[in-house]
Amino acid sequence: MDPSVSSGLMTRRTLKFMLVNGRTPSSPSLCVLCCKPIGLDYVREIDTRLAYCDAACYANHRINALLTWSPLDRVRVHEAASQTSMV
């Protein structure tokens, strides 16, 4: 079964990041988490255009961001995600 179909309801998927292989950024850049220089392979967050040296740094940045949210912020995000998945 297609994971985007749940109980007959379609859910919307959004792309959060892209993996870039074999291409350096046009200007010298550093990883926003660990400050290592960005090489030929890196991860770029689409909304913010921030660059990460690898998938592990991107994942750690996302986890750290979630841990700093207040419980009220987490509830609001959960509610918004629940409403979006029912559209």
N, C-alpha and C. Protein backbone atom coordinates (compact mmCIF):
# COMPACT_ATOMS: atom_id res chain seq x y z
N MET A 1 0.84 -1.19 0.00
CA MET A 1 0.00 0.00 0.00
C MET A 1 0.88 1.25 0.00
N ASP A 2 0.47 2.24 -0.74
CA ASP A 2 1.20 3.49 -0.81
C ASP A 2 1.18 4.17 0.56
N PRO A 3 2.37 4.54 1.11
CA PRO A 3 2.39 5.16 2.44
C PRO A 3 1.70 6.52 2.50
N SER A 4 1.44 7.14 1.34
CA SER A 4 0.75 8.43 1.37
C SER A 4 -0.76 8.28 1.51
N VAL A 5 -1.25 7.04 1.43
CA VAL A 5 -2.67 6.79 1.58
C VAL A 5 -2.89 6.16 2.95
N SER A 6 -3.72 6.77 3.77
CA SER A 6 -3.98 6.28 5.11
C SER A 6 -5.48 6.30 5.35
N SER A 7 -6.07 5.15 5.50
CA SER A 7 -7.51 5.03 5.75
C SER A 7 -8.33 5.76 4.69
N GLY A 8 -7.87 5.70 3.45
CA GLY A 8 -8.61 6.34 2.37
C GLY A 8 -8.37 7.83 2.23
N LEU A 9 -7.58 8.41 3.12
CA LEU A 9 -7.29 9.84 3.05
C LEU A 9 -5.91 10.04 2.45
N MET A 10 -5.78 11.01 1.58
CA MET A 10 -4.48 11.33 1.01
C MET A 10 -3.76 12.30 1.95
N THR A 11 -2.49 12.07 2.18
CA THR A 11 -1.70 12.99 2.97
C THR A 11 -0.72 13.69 2.04
N ARG A 12 -0.39 14.90 2.37
CA ARG A 12 0.52 15.68 1.56
C ARG A 12 1.94 15.48 2.07
N ARG A 13 2.85 15.22 1.16
CA ARG A 13 4.26 15.08 1.50
C ARG A 13 4.97 16.36 1.08
N THR A 14 5.89 16.81 1.90
CA THR A 14 6.69 17.96 1.52
C THR A 14 8.16 17.59 1.65
N LEU A 15 8.94 18.06 0.71
CA LEU A 15 10.35 17.80 0.70
C LEU A 15 11.03 18.82 1.60
N LYS A 16 11.82 18.35 2.56
CA LYS A 16 12.46 19.22 3.54
C LYS A 16 13.92 19.51 3.20
N PHE A 17 14.57 18.55 2.53
CA PHE A 17 15.99 18.72 2.24
C PHE A 17 16.33 18.00 0.94
N MET A 18 17.52 18.31 0.43
CA MET A 18 17.99 17.59 -0.75
C MET A 18 19.45 17.21 -0.54
N LEU A 19 19.82 16.06 -1.06
CA LEU A 19 21.20 15.61 -1.04
C LEU A 19 21.86 16.11 -2.30
N VAL A 20 23.01 16.72 -2.16
CA VAL A 20 23.75 17.24 -3.31
C VAL A 20 25.01 16.40 -3.45
N ASN A 21 25.21 15.82 -4.61
CA ASN A 21 26.37 14.98 -4.85
C ASN A 21 27.22 15.53 -5.98
N GLY A 22 28.52 15.62 -5.75
CA GLY A 22 29.45 16.01 -6.79
C GLY A 22 29.39 17.46 -7.19
N ARG A 23 28.94 18.32 -6.29
CA ARG A 23 28.84 19.75 -6.63
C ARG A 23 29.07 20.58 -5.38
N THR A 24 29.99 21.50 -5.43
CA THR A 24 30.22 22.38 -4.29
C THR A 24 29.35 23.63 -4.44
N PRO A 25 29.02 24.28 -3.33
CA PRO A 25 28.27 25.54 -3.43
C PRO A 25 29.07 26.58 -4.21
N SER A 26 28.39 27.55 -4.80
CA SER A 26 29.07 28.55 -5.63
C SER A 26 30.06 29.39 -4.82
N SER A 27 29.75 29.64 -3.57
CA SER A 27 30.70 30.36 -2.71
C SER A 27 31.12 29.42 -1.58
N PRO A 28 32.33 29.57 -1.06
CA PRO A 28 32.77 28.69 0.04
C PRO A 28 31.78 28.77 1.19
N SER A 29 31.38 27.61 1.69
CA SER A 29 30.38 27.54 2.76
C SER A 29 30.85 26.61 3.86
N LEU A 30 30.28 26.81 5.04
CA LEU A 30 30.55 25.97 6.19
C LEU A 30 29.26 25.31 6.64
N CYS A 31 29.38 24.12 7.23
CA CYS A 31 28.24 23.42 7.82
C CYS A 31 27.69 24.26 8.96
N VAL A 32 26.38 24.47 9.00
CA VAL A 32 25.78 25.30 10.04
C VAL A 32 25.85 24.66 11.41
N LEU A 33 26.06 23.35 11.49
CA LEU A 33 26.12 22.68 12.78
C LEU A 33 27.54 22.55 13.30
N CYS A 34 28.44 21.98 12.48
CA CYS A 34 29.78 21.68 12.97
C CYS A 34 30.87 22.60 12.40
N CYS A 35 30.51 23.49 11.49
CA CYS A 35 31.43 24.47 10.89
C CYS A 35 32.53 23.86 10.01
N LYS A 36 32.37 22.62 9.57
CA LYS A 36 33.32 22.04 8.62
C LYS A 36 33.04 22.63 7.24
N PRO A 37 34.08 22.74 6.40
CA PRO A 37 33.85 23.23 5.03
C PRO A 37 32.94 22.27 4.26
N ILE A 38 32.05 22.82 3.45
CA ILE A 38 31.16 22.02 2.62
C ILE A 38 31.96 21.50 1.43
N GLY A 39 31.91 20.20 1.20
CA GLY A 39 32.65 19.57 0.12
C GLY A 39 31.76 19.29 -1.08
N LEU A 40 32.13 18.25 -1.83
CA LEU A 40 31.38 17.89 -3.03
C LEU A 40 30.02 17.28 -2.74
N ASP A 41 29.86 16.63 -1.59
CA ASP A 41 28.60 15.99 -1.21
C ASP A 41 28.11 16.63 0.09
N TYR A 42 26.88 17.11 0.08
CA TYR A 42 26.35 17.76 1.27
C TYR A 42 24.83 17.72 1.25
N VAL A 43 24.21 18.19 2.33
CA VAL A 43 22.75 18.26 2.45
C VAL A 43 22.36 19.73 2.53
N ARG A 44 21.32 20.11 1.77
CA ARG A 44 20.82 21.48 1.82
C ARG A 44 19.35 21.46 2.23
N GLU A 45 19.02 22.25 3.26
CA GLU A 45 17.62 22.39 3.68
C GLU A 45 16.93 23.32 2.68
N ILE A 46 15.81 22.90 2.16
CA ILE A 46 15.16 23.63 1.08
C ILE A 46 14.58 24.97 1.55
N ASP A 47 13.85 24.97 2.65
CA ASP A 47 13.20 26.21 3.10
C ASP A 47 14.20 27.30 3.46
N THR A 48 15.25 26.94 4.18
CA THR A 48 16.20 27.93 4.68
C THR A 48 17.45 28.07 3.81
N ARG A 49 17.68 27.08 2.94
CA ARG A 49 18.87 26.99 2.09
C ARG A 49 20.15 26.82 2.89
N LEU A 50 20.03 26.38 4.15
CA LEU A 50 21.20 26.12 4.97
C LEU A 50 21.89 24.85 4.47
N ALA A 51 23.22 24.82 4.56
CA ALA A 51 23.99 23.67 4.10
C ALA A 51 24.59 22.93 5.29
N TYR A 52 24.57 21.61 5.21
CA TYR A 52 25.13 20.73 6.23
C TYR A 52 26.14 19.82 5.55
N CYS A 53 27.24 19.49 6.25
CA CYS A 53 28.30 18.71 5.62
C CYS A 53 27.87 17.29 5.30
N ASP A 54 26.90 16.74 6.03
CA ASP A 54 26.40 15.40 5.75
C ASP A 54 25.02 15.20 6.39
N ALA A 55 24.44 14.03 6.14
CA ALA A 55 23.10 13.73 6.66
C ALA A 55 23.06 13.68 8.18
N ALA A 56 24.16 13.24 8.80
CA ALA A 56 24.19 13.15 10.27
C ALA A 56 24.09 14.55 10.90
N CYS A 57 24.81 15.52 10.34
CA CYS A 57 24.72 16.88 10.88
C CYS A 57 23.31 17.45 10.68
N TYR A 58 22.71 17.19 9.53
CA TYR A 58 21.34 17.66 9.29
C TYR A 58 20.38 17.05 10.32
N ALA A 59 20.48 15.75 10.52
CA ALA A 59 19.60 15.06 11.48
C ALA A 59 19.82 15.59 12.89
N ASN A 60 21.07 15.78 13.29
CA ASN A 60 21.36 16.31 14.63
C ASN A 60 20.81 17.71 14.80
N HIS A 61 20.91 18.53 13.77
CA HIS A 61 20.38 19.89 13.85
C HIS A 61 18.86 19.86 14.03
N ARG A 62 18.18 19.00 13.28
CA ARG A 62 16.72 18.89 13.38
C ARG A 62 16.30 18.39 14.77
N ILE A 63 17.01 17.39 15.28
CA ILE A 63 16.69 16.85 16.62
C ILE A 63 16.91 17.92 17.68
N ASN A 64 18.03 18.62 17.61
CA ASN A 64 18.30 19.68 18.59
C ASN A 64 17.26 20.78 18.52
N ALA A 65 16.80 21.11 17.33
CA ALA A 65 15.77 22.14 17.19
C ALA A 65 14.47 21.69 17.85
N LEU A 66 14.10 20.43 17.67
CA LEU A 66 12.87 19.92 18.29
C LEU A 66 12.97 19.90 19.80
N LEU A 67 14.14 19.56 20.33
CA LEU A 67 14.30 19.48 21.78
C LEU A 67 14.22 20.84 22.46
N THR A 68 14.49 21.91 21.71
CA THR A 68 14.43 23.24 22.31
C THR A 68 13.03 23.84 22.27
N TRP A 69 12.10 23.19 21.58
CA TRP A 69 10.73 23.70 21.53
C TRP A 69 10.05 23.52 22.87
N SER A 70 9.18 24.43 23.19
CA SER A 70 8.39 24.30 24.41
C SER A 70 7.31 23.25 24.18
N PRO A 71 6.76 22.69 25.25
CA PRO A 71 5.66 21.72 25.08
C PRO A 71 4.48 22.31 24.30
N LEU A 72 4.19 23.60 24.48
CA LEU A 72 3.09 24.22 23.75
C LEU A 72 3.40 24.27 22.25
N ASP A 73 4.65 24.56 21.88
CA ASP A 73 5.04 24.55 20.46
C ASP A 73 4.85 23.17 19.86
N ARG A 74 5.22 22.13 20.60
CA ARG A 74 5.09 20.76 20.10
C ARG A 74 3.63 20.41 19.87
N VAL A 75 2.74 20.85 20.77
CA VAL A 75 1.31 20.59 20.61
C VAL A 75 0.79 21.30 19.37
N ARG A 76 1.20 22.54 19.16
CA ARG A 76 0.74 23.30 18.00
C ARG A 76 1.19 22.65 16.69
N VAL A 77 2.43 22.18 16.64
CA VAL A 77 2.93 21.52 15.43
C VAL A 77 2.18 20.22 15.20
N HIS A 78 1.93 19.47 16.26
CA HIS A 78 1.18 18.21 16.13
C HIS A 78 -0.23 18.47 15.63
N GLU A 79 -0.89 19.49 16.17
CA GLU A 79 -2.24 19.83 15.72
C GLU A 79 -2.25 20.25 14.25
N ALA A 80 -1.28 21.07 13.86
CA ALA A 80 -1.21 21.52 12.47
C ALA A 80 -0.97 20.34 11.54
N ALA A 81 -0.11 19.41 11.94
CA ALA A 81 0.17 18.23 11.11
C ALA A 81 -1.06 17.35 11.02
N SER A 82 -1.80 17.23 12.09
CA SER A 82 -3.02 16.42 12.08
C SER A 82 -4.06 17.02 11.15
N GLN A 83 -4.21 18.32 11.15
CA GLN A 83 -5.19 18.98 10.28
C GLN A 83 -4.77 18.88 8.83
N THR A 84 -3.49 19.01 8.55
CA THR A 84 -2.99 18.92 7.17
C THR A 84 -3.20 17.53 6.60
N SER A 85 -2.99 16.49 7.41
CA SER A 85 -3.09 15.12 6.90
C SER A 85 -4.54 14.74 6.61
N MET A 86 -5.51 15.50 7.11
CA MET A 86 -6.90 15.17 6.87
C MET A 86 -7.47 15.88 5.64
N VAL A 87 -6.68 16.78 5.03
CA VAL A 87 -7.16 17.53 3.87
C VAL A 87 -7.11 16.66 2.64
